[in-house]
PDB file of N, CA and C in Angstrom:
ATOM      1  N   MET A   1       0.843  -1.193   0.000  1.00  0.00           N
ATOM      2  CA  MET A   1       0.000   0.000   0.000  1.00  0.00           C
ATOM      3  C   MET A   1       0.883   1.251   0.000  1.00  0.00           C
ATOM      4  N   LEU A   2       1.867   1.243   0.883  1.00  0.00           N
ATOM      5  CA  LEU A   2       2.775   2.380   0.950  1.00  0.00           C
ATOM      6  C   LEU A   2       3.565   2.512  -0.343  1.00  0.00           C
ATOM      7  N   TYR A   3       3.950   1.362  -0.927  1.00  0.00           N
ATOM      8  CA  TYR A   3       4.696   1.382  -2.185  1.00  0.00           C
ATOM      9  C   TYR A   3       3.846   1.973  -3.304  1.00  0.00           C
ATOM     10  N   ALA A   4       2.579   1.602  -3.342  1.00  0.00           N
ATOM     11  CA  ALA A   4       1.683   2.118  -4.381  1.00  0.00           C
ATOM     12  C   ALA A   4       1.508   3.629  -4.219  1.00  0.00           C
ATOM     13  N   ARG A   5       1.384   4.058  -2.972  1.00  0.00           N
ATOM     14  CA  ARG A   5       1.217   5.483  -2.712  1.00  0.00           C
ATOM     15  C   ARG A   5       2.472   6.251  -3.129  1.00  0.00           C
ATOM     16  N   THR A   6       3.629   5.689  -2.832  1.00  0.00           N
ATOM     17  CA  THR A   6       4.895   6.318  -3.209  1.00  0.00           C
ATOM     18  C   THR A   6       5.034   6.366  -4.724  1.00  0.00           C
ATOM     19  N   PHE A   7       4.616   5.279  -5.399  1.00  0.00           N
ATOM     20  CA  PHE A   7       4.696   5.225  -6.857  1.00  0.00           C
ATOM     21  C   PHE A   7       3.814   6.297  -7.487  1.00  0.00           C
ATOM     22  N   ILE A   8       2.599   6.438  -6.978  1.00  0.00           N
ATOM     23  CA  ILE A   8       1.675   7.456  -7.494  1.00  0.00           C
ATOM     24  C   ILE A   8       2.240   8.846  -7.239  1.00  0.00           C
ATOM     25  N   PHE A   9       2.818   9.044  -6.054  1.00  0.00           N
ATOM     26  CA  PHE A   9       3.408  10.336  -5.715  1.00  0.00           C
ATOM     27  C   PHE A   9       4.571  10.650  -6.644  1.00  0.00           C
ATOM     28  N   ASN A  10       5.404   9.651  -6.946  1.00  0.00           N
ATOM     29  CA  ASN A  10       6.537   9.850  -7.848  1.00  0.00           C
ATOM     30  C   ASN A  10       6.063  10.191  -9.252  1.00  0.00           C
ATOM     31  N   CYS A  11       5.025   9.532  -9.721  1.00  0.00           N
ATOM     32  CA  CYS A  11       4.489   9.819 -11.054  1.00  0.00           C
ATOM     33  C   CYS A  11       3.964  11.249 -11.109  1.00  0.00           C
ATOM     34  N   ARG A  12       3.268  11.634 -10.055  1.00  0.00           N
ATOM     35  CA  ARG A  12       2.703  12.976 -10.007  1.00  0.00           C
ATOM     36  C   ARG A  12       3.810  14.024  -9.961  1.00  0.00           C
ATOM     37  N   THR A  13       4.845  13.759  -9.175  1.00  0.00           N
ATOM     38  CA  THR A  13       5.970  14.694  -9.066  1.00  0.00           C
ATOM     39  C   THR A  13       6.720  14.788 -10.384  1.00  0.00           C
ATOM     40  N   THR A  14       6.920  13.631 -11.044  1.00  0.00           N
ATOM     41  CA  THR A  14       7.618  13.624 -12.333  1.00  0.00           C
ATOM     42  C   THR A  14       6.822  14.410 -13.368  1.00  0.00           C
ATOM     43  N   THR A  15       5.512  14.196 -13.390  1.00  0.00           N
ATOM     44  CA  THR A  15       4.659  14.923 -14.326  1.00  0.00           C
ATOM     45  C   THR A  15       4.731  16.423 -14.058  1.00  0.00           C
ATOM     46  N   TYR A  16       4.775  16.784 -12.765  1.00  0.00           N
ATOM     47  CA  TYR A  16       4.859  18.191 -12.386  1.00  0.00           C
ATOM     48  C   TYR A  16       6.154  18.820 -12.883  1.00  0.00           C
ATOM     49  N   TYR A  17       7.271  18.126 -12.672  1.00  0.00           N
ATOM     50  CA  TYR A  17       8.556  18.668 -13.111  1.00  0.00           C
ATOM     51  C   TYR A  17       8.659  18.736 -14.630  1.00  0.00           C
ATOM     52  N   VAL A  18       8.129  17.736 -15.322  1.00  0.00           N
ATOM     53  CA  VAL A  18       8.152  17.752 -16.787  1.00  0.00           C
ATOM     54  C   VAL A  18       7.317  18.923 -17.304  1.00  0.00           C
ATOM     55  N   SER A  19       6.172  19.169 -16.675  1.00  0.00           N
ATOM     56  CA  SER A  19       5.333  20.294 -17.091  1.00  0.00           C
ATOM     57  C   SER A  19       6.059  21.612 -16.883  1.00  0.00           C
ATOM     58  N   ILE A  20       6.752  21.739 -15.762  1.00  0.00           N
ATOM     59  CA  ILE A  20       7.515  22.958 -15.482  1.00  0.00           C
ATOM     60  C   ILE A  20       8.616  23.141 -16.521  1.00  0.00           C
ATOM     61  N   ASN A  21       9.304  22.059 -16.874  1.00  0.00           N
ATOM     62  CA  ASN A  21      10.383  22.147 -17.855  1.00  0.00           C
ATOM     63  C   ASN A  21       9.856  22.544 -19.226  1.00  0.00           C
ATOM     64  N   ILE A  22       8.751  21.937 -19.647  1.00  0.00           N
ATOM     65  CA  ILE A  22       8.161  22.266 -20.946  1.00  0.00           C
ATOM     66  C   ILE A  22       7.695  23.724 -20.956  1.00  0.00           C
ATOM     67  N   PHE A  23       7.039  24.136 -19.883  1.00  0.00           N
ATOM     68  CA  PHE A  23       6.538  25.505 -19.806  1.00  0.00           C
ATOM     69  C   PHE A  23       7.680  26.510 -19.826  1.00  0.00           C
ATOM     70  N   SER A  24       8.744  26.255 -19.074  1.00  0.00           N
ATOM     71  CA  SER A  24       9.874  27.185 -19.028  1.00  0.00           C
ATOM     72  C   SER A  24      10.584  27.239 -20.379  1.00  0.00           C
ATOM     73  N   HIS A  25      10.685  26.093 -21.053  1.00  0.00           N
ATOM     74  CA  HIS A  25      11.316  26.051 -22.369  1.00  0.00           C
ATOM     75  C   HIS A  25      10.481  26.844 -23.381  1.00  0.00           C
ATOM     76  N   TRP A  26       9.167  26.632 -23.350  1.00  0.00           N
ATOM     77  CA  TRP A  26       8.264  27.366 -24.241  1.00  0.00           C
ATOM     78  C   TRP A  26       8.325  28.860 -23.943  1.00  0.00           C
ATOM     79  N   PHE A  27       8.318  29.215 -22.665  1.00  0.00           N
ATOM     80  CA  PHE A  27       8.387  30.613 -22.239  1.00  0.00           C
ATOM     81  C   PHE A  27       9.678  31.259 -22.735  1.00  0.00           C
ATOM     82  N   PHE A  28      10.776  30.521 -22.642  1.00  0.00           N
ATOM     83  CA  PHE A  28      12.081  31.023 -23.078  1.00  0.00           C
ATOM     84  C   PHE A  28      12.089  31.305 -24.578  1.00  0.00           C
ATOM     85  N   TRP A  29      11.546  30.370 -25.366  1.00  0.00           N
ATOM     86  CA  TRP A  29      11.579  30.557 -26.819  1.00  0.00           C
ATOM     87  C   TRP A  29      10.598  31.627 -27.295  1.00  0.00           C
ATOM     88  N   VAL A  30       9.474  31.765 -26.607  1.00  0.00           N
ATOM     89  CA  VAL A  30       8.493  32.771 -27.021  1.00  0.00           C
ATOM     90  C   VAL A  30       9.027  34.180 -26.772  1.00  0.00           C
ATOM     91  N   PHE A  31       9.709  34.360 -25.643  1.00  0.00           N
ATOM     92  CA  PHE A  31      10.186  35.693 -25.278  1.00  0.00           C
ATOM     93  C   PHE A  31      11.673  35.888 -25.550  1.00  0.00           C
ATOM     94  N   LEU A  32      12.230  35.066 -26.410  1.00  0.00           N
ATOM     95  CA  LEU A  32      13.646  35.186 -26.723  1.00  0.00           C
ATOM     96  C   LEU A  32      13.896  36.436 -27.577  1.00  0.00           C
TER      97      LEU A  32
END
C-alpha cells in the first residue's frame, strides 16, 4: 500500500517537473 502510494506520488511529481520544464522552455523561446 505504501509502495503504491509512493509510486503514485513519484508519477505525479515527475509529471509536475516535466510540465515545469516544458513551460519554461516554451516561455524562453516565445520571449527570446
